[in-house]
Protein backbone atom coordinates (compact mmCIF):
# COMPACT_ATOMS: atom_id res chain seq x y z
CA MET A 1 0.00 0.00 0.00
CA GLN A 2 2.82 2.39 0.87
CA LEU A 3 4.57 1.56 -2.40
CA ARG A 4 1.35 2.21 -4.36
CA LYS A 5 0.91 5.62 -2.66
CA LEU A 6 4.51 6.50 -3.44
CA LEU A 7 4.10 5.54 -7.09
CA VAL A 8 0.88 7.53 -7.37
CA SER A 9 2.56 10.54 -5.76
CA VAL A 10 5.55 10.34 -8.12
CA SER A 11 3.29 9.90 -11.16
CA LEU A 12 1.19 12.90 -10.12
CA THR A 13 4.30 15.04 -9.63
CA LEU A 14 5.66 14.07 -13.03
CA ALA A 15 2.30 14.73 -14.67
CA LEU A 16 2.00 18.17 -13.11
CA SER A 17 5.60 18.98 -14.08
CA SER A 18 4.93 17.87 -17.66
CA LEU A 19 1.71 19.89 -17.78
CA SER A 20 3.51 22.95 -16.42
CA ALA A 21 6.24 22.69 -19.04
CA ALA A 22 3.80 22.07 -21.90
CA ALA A 23 1.58 24.93 -20.82
CA LEU A 24 4.41 27.45 -20.56
CA GLU A 25 3.98 30.50 -22.75
CA LEU A 26 7.15 32.30 -23.80
CA GLY A 27 7.31 35.75 -25.35
CA VAL A 28 10.24 36.35 -27.70
CA ILE A 29 11.16 39.79 -29.06
CA GLY A 30 13.85 40.52 -31.63
CA PHE A 31 14.64 44.20 -32.04
CA GLN A 32 15.40 44.23 -35.77
CA PHE A 33 14.80 41.16 -37.95
CA SER A 34 16.36 42.85 -40.99
CA SER A 35 19.59 42.35 -39.07
CA GLU A 36 20.54 38.71 -39.58
CA THR A 37 21.88 38.28 -36.06
CA HIS A 38 18.69 39.56 -34.40
CA ALA A 39 16.62 37.18 -36.52
CA ARG A 40 18.95 34.24 -35.90
CA CYS A 41 18.76 34.75 -32.15
CA ALA A 42 14.99 35.25 -31.88
CA ASN A 43 14.11 32.45 -34.30
CA ALA A 44 16.43 30.03 -32.48
CA VAL A 45 14.82 30.89 -29.14
CA ALA A 46 11.33 30.33 -30.58
CA ALA A 47 12.41 27.03 -32.16
CA GLY A 48 13.95 25.87 -28.89
CA ALA A 49 10.77 26.74 -27.01
CA LYS A 50 8.59 24.82 -29.45
CA ALA A 51 10.94 21.83 -29.23
CA LYS A 52 10.14 21.73 -25.51
CA GLY A 53 6.42 21.81 -26.24
CA TRP A 54 5.97 25.43 -25.13
CA THR A 55 3.92 28.11 -26.84
CA ALA A 56 6.13 30.83 -28.30
CA THR A 57 4.95 34.29 -29.36
CA LEU A 58 7.62 35.68 -31.71
CA LEU A 59 7.68 39.46 -32.29
CA ASN A 60 9.80 41.75 -34.48
CA SER A 61 10.19 45.35 -33.30
CA GLU A 62 11.47 46.36 -36.77
CA GLY A 63 14.13 48.59 -35.25
CA ALA A 64 11.57 50.99 -33.76
CA LEU A 65 11.83 51.67 -30.03
CA PRO A 66 8.12 52.69 -29.65
CA LYS A 67 7.08 49.39 -31.24
CA HIS A 68 9.59 47.51 -29.10
CA VAL A 69 8.11 49.04 -25.93
CA GLU A 70 4.56 48.36 -27.13
CA GLN A 71 5.35 44.70 -27.83
CA PHE A 72 6.99 44.35 -24.43
CA GLU A 73 3.90 45.83 -22.75
CA THR A 74 1.62 43.50 -24.75
CA LEU A 75 3.48 40.44 -23.50
CA ILE A 76 3.29 41.70 -19.92
CA SER A 77 -0.47 42.33 -20.26
CA LYS A 78 -0.86 38.87 -21.77
CA LYS A 79 0.78 37.50 -18.61
CA VAL A 80 3.21 35.21 -20.42
CA ASP A 81 5.30 32.97 -18.19
CA ALA A 82 8.66 34.34 -19.32
CA ILE A 83 10.18 36.70 -21.89
CA VAL A 84 13.41 36.50 -23.90
CA ILE A 85 14.58 39.66 -25.67
CA CYS A 86 17.27 39.56 -28.34
CA MET A 87 19.29 42.76 -28.73
CA GLY A 88 16.91 44.70 -26.49
CA LYS A 89 17.11 48.07 -24.76
CA PRO A 90 17.29 47.69 -20.94
CA VAL A 91 17.91 51.43 -20.46
CA GLU A 92 15.30 52.79 -22.87
CA ALA A 93 12.70 50.18 -21.86
CA ASP A 94 13.50 50.36 -18.15
CA ALA A 95 9.84 50.93 -17.18
CA GLN A 96 8.75 47.79 -19.02
CA PHE A 97 11.51 45.67 -17.47
CA LYS A 98 10.43 46.96 -14.06
CA ALA A 99 6.75 46.19 -14.78
CA ALA A 100 7.61 42.62 -15.81
CA LYS A 101 9.67 42.14 -12.65
CA GLU A 102 6.82 43.44 -10.46
CA LYS A 103 4.44 40.95 -12.09
CA GLY A 104 6.84 38.09 -11.49
CA ILE A 105 7.62 37.52 -15.19
CA PRO A 106 11.29 36.52 -15.62
CA VAL A 107 12.97 38.43 -18.45
CA ILE A 108 16.23 37.16 -19.94
CA THR A 109 18.08 39.24 -22.52
CA VAL A 110 20.60 38.26 -25.18
CA MET A 111 23.29 40.69 -26.38
CA SER A 112 21.45 43.61 -24.78
CA GLY A 113 23.41 44.63 -21.74
CA ALA A 114 22.30 44.42 -18.13
CA GLY A 115 19.80 46.58 -16.29
CA PRO A 116 18.50 46.89 -12.72
CA HIS A 117 15.35 44.90 -13.55
CA THR A 118 16.80 42.18 -15.82
CA LEU A 119 17.79 38.76 -14.51
CA PHE A 120 20.95 38.54 -16.61
CA ASP A 121 22.19 39.08 -20.15
CA ILE A 122 23.61 36.25 -22.26
CA GLN A 123 26.46 37.56 -24.40
CA SER A 124 30.04 37.27 -25.49
CA ASN A 125 32.43 39.57 -23.67
CA GLU A 126 32.24 42.51 -26.06
CA TYR A 127 35.43 44.06 -24.70
CA LYS A 128 37.33 40.92 -25.72
CA VAL A 129 35.42 40.71 -29.02
CA GLY A 130 36.32 44.32 -29.79
CA ALA A 131 39.97 43.73 -28.94
CA ASP A 132 40.13 40.62 -31.14
CA ALA A 133 38.66 42.46 -34.14
CA ALA A 134 40.81 45.60 -33.71
CA LEU A 135 44.09 43.77 -33.19
CA TYR A 136 43.44 41.37 -36.07
CA LEU A 137 42.86 44.27 -38.47
CA LEU A 138 45.89 46.23 -37.24
CA GLY A 139 47.97 43.10 -37.65
CA GLN A 140 46.85 42.80 -41.27
CA MET A 141 47.79 46.46 -41.77
CA GLY A 142 51.25 45.91 -40.26
CA TYR A 143 50.29 48.30 -37.46
CA THR A 144 50.65 51.26 -39.79
CA GLY A 145 48.54 53.22 -42.28
CA ASN A 146 45.10 54.78 -42.57
CA LEU A 147 41.94 53.19 -41.25
CA LEU A 148 38.27 53.82 -42.01
CA SER A 149 35.66 52.70 -39.46
CA VAL A 150 31.95 51.99 -39.82
CA ARG A 151 30.24 52.31 -36.46
CA PHE A 152 26.87 52.05 -34.74
CA GLU A 153 26.37 53.82 -31.43
CA GLY A 154 22.74 52.76 -30.95
CA ASN A 155 23.55 49.23 -29.78
CA LEU A 156 25.51 48.38 -26.66
CA ALA A 157 27.60 45.64 -28.29
CA THR A 158 28.65 47.65 -31.34
CA ARG A 159 29.24 50.73 -29.21
CA VAL A 160 31.63 48.80 -26.92
CA ARG A 161 33.46 47.38 -29.94
CA GLY A 162 34.00 50.94 -31.18
CA LYS A 163 35.31 52.12 -27.83
CA VAL A 164 37.78 49.26 -27.70
CA LEU A 165 38.91 50.16 -31.22
CA ASP A 166 39.54 53.72 -30.00
CA ALA A 167 41.59 52.43 -27.07
CA THR A 168 43.59 50.19 -29.40
CA LEU A 169 44.30 53.05 -31.79
CA SER A 170 45.42 55.28 -28.91
CA GLU A 171 48.20 52.79 -28.16
CA ASN A 172 49.13 52.22 -31.82
CA THR A 173 49.67 55.71 -33.11
CA ALA A 174 51.18 54.64 -36.45
CA VAL A 175 47.63 53.74 -37.48
CA LYS A 176 45.47 56.78 -38.12
CA GLU A 177 41.68 56.76 -38.37
CA ILE A 178 41.16 59.11 -41.29
CA ALA A 179 37.38 58.71 -41.57
CA LYS A 180 34.43 57.17 -39.77
CA HIS A 181 30.77 56.64 -40.56
CA ALA A 182 28.39 56.48 -37.60
CA MET A 183 25.23 54.65 -38.64
CA ALA A 184 22.31 56.76 -37.48
CA ARG A 185 19.18 55.02 -38.69
CA THR A 186 18.07 51.51 -37.76
CA GLN A 187 15.03 50.87 -39.94
CA SER A 188 16.83 51.90 -43.15
CA TRP A 189 20.35 51.17 -41.97
CA ARG A 190 21.52 49.63 -45.25
CA ASP A 191 20.83 52.83 -47.17
CA ASP A 192 22.48 54.82 -44.38
CA VAL A 193 25.69 52.76 -44.51
CA ARG A 194 25.81 52.60 -48.31
CA ALA A 195 25.50 56.36 -48.76
CA GLY A 196 27.82 57.26 -45.90
CA VAL A 197 30.63 54.85 -46.72
CA GLN A 198 30.47 55.52 -50.45
CA ALA A 199 31.00 59.22 -49.76
CA LEU A 200 33.95 58.51 -47.45
CA LEU A 201 35.58 56.14 -49.95
CA LEU A 202 35.36 58.80 -52.66
CA GLN A 203 36.77 61.48 -50.35
CA ASN A 204 39.67 59.23 -49.34
CA GLN A 205 40.30 57.37 -52.56
CA GLY A 206 43.71 55.70 -52.56
CA LYS A 207 44.33 56.54 -48.91
CA VAL A 208 42.48 53.76 -47.03
CA GLY A 209 44.67 50.91 -45.78
CA GLY A 210 42.10 49.00 -43.75
CA ILE A 211 38.40 49.04 -42.85
CA TRP A 212 36.79 48.11 -39.54
CA ALA A 213 33.02 47.44 -39.39
CA SER A 214 31.11 47.12 -36.14
CA PHE A 215 28.98 44.24 -37.45
CA ASP A 216 28.93 41.96 -40.49
CA GLY A 217 25.87 43.50 -42.14
CA GLN A 218 27.80 46.75 -42.53
CA ALA A 219 30.78 44.81 -43.89
CA TYR A 220 28.67 43.25 -46.66
CA ILE A 221 27.77 46.72 -47.94
CA VAL A 222 31.38 47.93 -47.73
CA ASP A 223 32.53 44.76 -49.49
CA ASP A 224 30.08 45.33 -52.36
CA LEU A 225 31.12 48.97 -52.70
CA LEU A 226 34.82 48.11 -52.82
CA ARG A 227 34.30 45.35 -55.36
CA ALA A 228 32.29 47.71 -57.56
CA GLN A 229 35.34 50.01 -57.50
CA GLY A 230 37.58 47.16 -58.66
CA VAL A 231 39.44 46.66 -55.37
CA LYS A 232 40.88 43.14 -55.04
CA LYS A 233 41.08 40.89 -51.98
CA GLY A 234 44.04 41.79 -49.79
CA GLN A 235 44.40 45.34 -51.07
CA ILE A 236 42.20 46.79 -48.33
CA PRO A 237 41.65 44.32 -45.47
CA LEU A 238 38.08 44.41 -44.13
CA VAL A 239 37.30 42.98 -40.70
CA SER A 240 34.01 42.87 -38.78
CA VAL A 241 32.11 40.99 -36.06
CA ASP A 242 29.19 38.53 -35.79
CA GLY A 243 29.63 35.46 -38.01
CA GLY A 244 27.07 33.61 -40.11
CA ALA A 245 26.65 31.73 -43.37
CA GLU A 246 26.94 34.78 -45.64
CA THR A 247 29.99 36.03 -43.76
CA TYR A 248 31.77 32.70 -44.04
CA ARG A 249 30.92 32.50 -47.76
CA ARG A 250 32.49 35.92 -48.31
CA ILE A 251 35.62 35.12 -46.29
CA ALA A 252 36.12 32.02 -48.46
CA ASP A 253 35.35 33.92 -51.69
CA PRO A 254 38.57 34.99 -53.48
CA GLU A 255 36.74 38.05 -54.85
CA SER A 256 35.50 39.33 -51.48
CA LEU A 257 37.37 41.94 -49.46
CA LEU A 258 36.06 40.57 -46.14
CA ILE A 259 38.95 38.64 -44.63
CA ALA A 260 37.83 37.91 -41.05
CA THR A 261 35.08 38.16 -38.48
CA VAL A 262 34.86 37.54 -34.76
CA ALA A 263 32.07 34.95 -34.77
CA ILE A 264 29.56 35.18 -31.94
CA PRO A 265 27.56 31.98 -31.19
CA PHE A 266 24.02 33.39 -31.43
CA GLU A 267 22.32 29.99 -31.69
CA ASP A 268 24.22 28.77 -28.62
CA MET A 269 23.12 31.89 -26.75
CA ALA A 270 19.52 31.22 -27.77
CA ALA A 271 19.79 27.64 -26.50
CA LYS A 272 21.16 28.92 -23.19
CA ALA A 273 18.24 31.35 -22.94
CA VAL A 274 15.72 28.53 -23.44
CA ASP A 275 17.50 26.37 -20.86
CA ALA A 276 17.47 29.32 -18.45
CA VAL A 277 13.71 29.74 -18.88
CA ASP A 278 13.29 26.03 -18.21
CA THR A 279 15.35 26.32 -15.02
CA ILE A 280 13.68 29.49 -13.72
CA ALA A 281 10.08 29.39 -14.99
CA VAL A 282 9.47 25.62 -15.10
CA LYS A 283 11.73 24.19 -12.41
CA LYS A 284 11.28 27.30 -10.23
CA GLN A 285 14.95 27.60 -9.41
CA PRO A 286 16.53 31.02 -8.74
CA ALA A 287 18.34 32.94 -11.50
CA SER A 288 21.57 32.39 -9.54
CA ALA A 289 21.34 28.72 -10.50
CA VAL A 290 22.05 29.83 -14.09
CA ALA A 291 24.22 32.94 -13.73
CA THR A 292 25.93 34.27 -10.63
CA GLY A 293 26.05 37.85 -11.90
CA PRO A 294 24.45 40.15 -14.48
CA TYR A 295 26.11 38.34 -17.41
CA LEU A 296 26.33 34.80 -18.72
CA PHE A 297 29.27 34.79 -21.13
CA THR A 298 29.83 32.62 -24.21
CA ASP A 299 33.06 32.44 -26.20
CA ALA A 300 33.55 34.09 -29.60
CA ILE A 301 36.16 32.96 -32.14
CA ILE A 302 38.06 34.63 -34.98
CA VAL A 303 37.15 33.11 -38.34
CA ASP A 304 39.43 33.79 -41.31
CA ALA A 305 40.96 31.92 -44.24
CA SER A 306 42.77 29.55 -41.87
CA ASN A 307 39.61 27.99 -40.40
CA VAL A 308 36.62 29.17 -42.44
CA LYS A 309 36.16 25.78 -44.15
CA GLN A 310 34.96 24.22 -40.90
CA PHE A 311 32.21 26.84 -40.67
CA LEU A 312 30.95 26.49 -44.24
CA LYS A 313 27.89 24.31 -44.70
């Protein structure tokens, strides 16, 4: 009789646990799906949630902060069980993060930076990523010559990469930054980069010895512009950050000017976010069981001609 009661109790516990997991509703927001990395992250989170039998609401803020805030508020009003935000805005959306916290909805961010009301942010150490990209490019330039940079101040990760580039240049004075383009728009960022960089290349024709881009999407545009001007691989080394199928294809392409990227494991980050939701929202363990501080770091790796074949599919 005691054994039967124990078996019934265990079966009931397992059934309730299974029901809880299956019934979990996860909200997923990607800030800008026209950016490949945002889409990769958000889609991987949604796919991971569905693989666990959860319901996933996938939203694209289309690079607009008002829409981002509105979507965040909608998920809070809907009383989802947890929220994952890819490339979010903890500072600008502070009120929404606070509201979610007050309602007991765990919010995990990816590549967004930490805030007072977030549990933790899953990211690569952007200071190390920035150093890897800057030093690789300067090495290709022989630590001398003129550099052009393509920046984006509106995102924490790309902003940090730019600041690390500045620090690197301050200690390597034989390399001079002769021009920079700061991407201003997010919704029409491709047009912004194309127009801005094209103007700088014309103004500095024959003077540029290397180009640094804060993320791969910018590098694709720069690559296309340089190729249209007849520049050949190796003449002007182009280095960026993020990684992905198109990036690896270009690095392996003998016609492309893109020679390296610091590849960030977005799909791995997404998987860690899903596992974190499972730990916190399903198993009801504290956030400290996943991350002991405001960040959960994942390693990034430099991909260039020496190892790109292993990344090509």
